[in-house]
Amino acid sequence: MSNSVHLVNLAADAYDANKVTPGLLGFIVFAALGVATWFLVKSMNRQFKRVDFVEEPEQPKQ
């Protein structure tokens, strides 16, 4: 138990909140989300162009 507490203390000493950055992996994930969003919007616009919708007025109830 004391060994794990010692390791946690070492990790806390090495951690500097002012130097934490997302790094390359964070950029890659963000870029992939952007590209995926672009493809989804492009696909959605293509599907909307295929829709041929003419709304007919409601028939009066008799």
N, C-alpha and C. Protein backbone atom coordinates (compact mmCIF):
# COMPACT_ATOMS: atom_id res chain seq x y z
N MET A 1 0.82 -1.19 0.00
CA MET A 1 0.00 0.00 0.00
C MET A 1 0.86 1.24 0.00
N SER A 2 1.89 1.27 0.80
CA SER A 2 2.74 2.45 0.88
C SER A 2 3.50 2.68 -0.44
N ASN A 3 3.78 1.58 -1.17
CA ASN A 3 4.46 1.72 -2.45
C ASN A 3 3.59 2.47 -3.45
N SER A 4 2.29 2.16 -3.49
CA SER A 4 1.40 2.84 -4.42
C SER A 4 1.21 4.30 -4.02
N VAL A 5 1.20 4.59 -2.72
CA VAL A 5 1.08 5.97 -2.27
C VAL A 5 2.32 6.75 -2.69
N HIS A 6 3.48 6.11 -2.62
CA HIS A 6 4.72 6.75 -3.03
C HIS A 6 4.69 7.06 -4.53
N LEU A 7 4.15 6.15 -5.36
CA LEU A 7 4.06 6.39 -6.80
C LEU A 7 3.09 7.53 -7.12
N VAL A 8 2.00 7.60 -6.37
CA VAL A 8 1.03 8.69 -6.58
C VAL A 8 1.68 10.02 -6.26
N ASN A 9 2.46 10.07 -5.20
CA ASN A 9 3.15 11.30 -4.84
C ASN A 9 4.16 11.70 -5.92
N LEU A 10 4.85 10.74 -6.50
CA LEU A 10 5.80 11.04 -7.57
C LEU A 10 5.06 11.58 -8.80
N ALA A 11 3.91 10.99 -9.13
CA ALA A 11 3.14 11.45 -10.28
C ALA A 11 2.60 12.86 -10.03
N ALA A 12 2.20 13.15 -8.82
CA ALA A 12 1.69 14.49 -8.49
C ALA A 12 2.80 15.53 -8.60
N ASP A 13 4.00 15.16 -8.23
CA ASP A 13 5.11 16.09 -8.34
C ASP A 13 5.48 16.37 -9.79
N ALA A 14 5.34 15.39 -10.67
CA ALA A 14 5.70 15.55 -12.08
C ALA A 14 4.61 16.28 -12.85
N TYR A 15 3.42 16.37 -12.34
CA TYR A 15 2.28 17.01 -13.02
C TYR A 15 2.34 18.51 -12.83
N ASP A 16 2.36 19.24 -13.94
CA ASP A 16 2.32 20.70 -13.89
C ASP A 16 1.11 21.16 -14.69
N ALA A 17 0.12 21.73 -14.01
CA ALA A 17 -1.14 22.11 -14.65
C ALA A 17 -0.94 23.17 -15.72
N ASN A 18 0.13 23.92 -15.67
CA ASN A 18 0.37 24.98 -16.65
C ASN A 18 0.98 24.46 -17.94
N LYS A 19 1.45 23.23 -17.94
CA LYS A 19 2.12 22.68 -19.12
C LYS A 19 1.33 21.58 -19.80
N VAL A 20 0.11 21.32 -19.35
CA VAL A 20 -0.69 20.24 -19.93
C VAL A 20 -1.31 20.74 -21.22
N THR A 21 -1.07 20.01 -22.32
CA THR A 21 -1.64 20.36 -23.62
C THR A 21 -2.25 19.10 -24.23
N PRO A 22 -3.18 19.28 -25.18
CA PRO A 22 -3.79 18.10 -25.80
C PRO A 22 -2.81 17.35 -26.70
N GLY A 23 -1.84 18.02 -27.24
CA GLY A 23 -0.81 17.37 -28.03
C GLY A 23 -1.29 16.93 -29.40
N LEU A 24 -0.52 16.09 -30.02
CA LEU A 24 -0.80 15.61 -31.37
C LEU A 24 -2.06 14.76 -31.41
N LEU A 25 -2.24 13.91 -30.44
CA LEU A 25 -3.44 13.05 -30.41
C LEU A 25 -4.70 13.89 -30.33
N GLY A 26 -4.70 14.92 -29.51
CA GLY A 26 -5.86 15.80 -29.41
C GLY A 26 -6.16 16.49 -30.73
N PHE A 27 -5.12 16.94 -31.43
CA PHE A 27 -5.31 17.58 -32.73
C PHE A 27 -5.88 16.60 -33.74
N ILE A 28 -5.36 15.37 -33.75
CA ILE A 28 -5.84 14.36 -34.70
C ILE A 28 -7.31 14.04 -34.45
N VAL A 29 -7.69 13.89 -33.20
CA VAL A 29 -9.09 13.59 -32.87
C VAL A 29 -9.98 14.77 -33.27
N PHE A 30 -9.57 15.99 -32.99
CA PHE A 30 -10.35 17.18 -33.35
C PHE A 30 -10.49 17.30 -34.86
N ALA A 31 -9.41 17.06 -35.59
CA ALA A 31 -9.46 17.13 -37.05
C ALA A 31 -10.36 16.04 -37.62
N ALA A 32 -10.30 14.84 -37.06
CA ALA A 32 -11.16 13.74 -37.52
C ALA A 32 -12.64 14.07 -37.28
N LEU A 33 -12.95 14.67 -36.14
CA LEU A 33 -14.33 15.08 -35.88
C LEU A 33 -14.78 16.15 -36.88
N GLY A 34 -13.91 17.07 -37.21
CA GLY A 34 -14.25 18.09 -38.20
C GLY A 34 -14.50 17.50 -39.58
N VAL A 35 -13.65 16.58 -40.00
CA VAL A 35 -13.82 15.94 -41.31
C VAL A 35 -15.10 15.11 -41.33
N ALA A 36 -15.37 14.37 -40.26
CA ALA A 36 -16.59 13.56 -40.19
C ALA A 36 -17.83 14.45 -40.24
N THR A 37 -17.79 15.58 -39.56
CA THR A 37 -18.92 16.52 -39.59
C THR A 37 -19.13 17.06 -40.99
N TRP A 38 -18.06 17.39 -41.68
CA TRP A 38 -18.16 17.90 -43.05
C TRP A 38 -18.82 16.87 -43.96
N PHE A 39 -18.39 15.60 -43.85
CA PHE A 39 -18.99 14.54 -44.68
C PHE A 39 -20.47 14.34 -44.33
N LEU A 40 -20.82 14.40 -43.07
CA LEU A 40 -22.22 14.24 -42.68
C LEU A 40 -23.09 15.38 -43.22
N VAL A 41 -22.61 16.60 -43.16
CA VAL A 41 -23.37 17.74 -43.68
C VAL A 41 -23.51 17.62 -45.20
N LYS A 42 -22.45 17.21 -45.87
CA LYS A 42 -22.51 17.03 -47.32
C LYS A 42 -23.52 15.95 -47.69
N SER A 43 -23.52 14.85 -46.96
CA SER A 43 -24.48 13.78 -47.22
C SER A 43 -25.91 14.23 -46.92
N MET A 44 -26.11 14.99 -45.85
CA MET A 44 -27.43 15.48 -45.50
C MET A 44 -27.97 16.41 -46.59
N ASN A 45 -27.14 17.30 -47.11
CA ASN A 45 -27.57 18.18 -48.19
C ASN A 45 -27.94 17.40 -49.44
N ARG A 46 -27.19 16.36 -49.74
CA ARG A 46 -27.50 15.52 -50.89
C ARG A 46 -28.85 14.84 -50.71
N GLN A 47 -29.13 14.35 -49.50
CA GLN A 47 -30.41 13.70 -49.24
C GLN A 47 -31.56 14.70 -49.31
N PHE A 48 -31.37 15.91 -48.83
CA PHE A 48 -32.42 16.93 -48.89
C PHE A 48 -32.74 17.32 -50.34
N LYS A 49 -31.74 17.32 -51.20
CA LYS A 49 -31.98 17.65 -52.61
C LYS A 49 -32.82 16.59 -53.30
N ARG A 50 -32.77 15.35 -52.83
CA ARG A 50 -33.56 14.26 -53.42
C ARG A 50 -35.03 14.32 -53.03
N VAL A 51 -35.34 15.01 -51.98
CA VAL A 51 -36.72 15.05 -51.47
C VAL A 51 -37.56 15.91 -52.41
N ASP A 52 -38.67 15.33 -52.87
CA ASP A 52 -39.62 16.05 -53.72
C ASP A 52 -40.95 16.05 -52.97
N PHE A 53 -41.19 17.11 -52.23
CA PHE A 53 -42.34 17.15 -51.34
C PHE A 53 -43.24 18.31 -51.73
N VAL A 54 -44.46 17.97 -52.10
CA VAL A 54 -45.46 18.99 -52.39
C VAL A 54 -46.60 18.78 -51.42
N GLU A 55 -46.80 19.76 -50.56
CA GLU A 55 -47.85 19.62 -49.57
C GLU A 55 -49.19 19.99 -50.17
N GLU A 56 -50.13 19.08 -50.03
CA GLU A 56 -51.47 19.34 -50.53
C GLU A 56 -52.31 19.90 -49.39
N PRO A 57 -53.17 20.84 -49.70
CA PRO A 57 -54.01 21.39 -48.62
C PRO A 57 -54.96 20.32 -48.08
N GLU A 58 -55.30 20.47 -46.82
CA GLU A 58 -56.20 19.50 -46.20
C GLU A 58 -57.58 19.60 -46.83
N GLN A 59 -58.18 18.43 -46.99
CA GLN A 59 -59.54 18.39 -47.52
C GLN A 59 -60.51 18.76 -46.40
N PRO A 60 -61.48 19.61 -46.70
CA PRO A 60 -62.45 19.97 -45.65
C PRO A 60 -63.29 18.75 -45.26
N LYS A 61 -63.52 18.61 -43.98
CA LYS A 61 -64.30 17.48 -43.48
C LYS A 61 -65.79 17.80 -43.67
N GLN A 62 -66.54 16.81 -44.17
CA GLN A 62 -67.97 17.01 -44.41
C GLN A 62 -68.81 16.11 -43.56
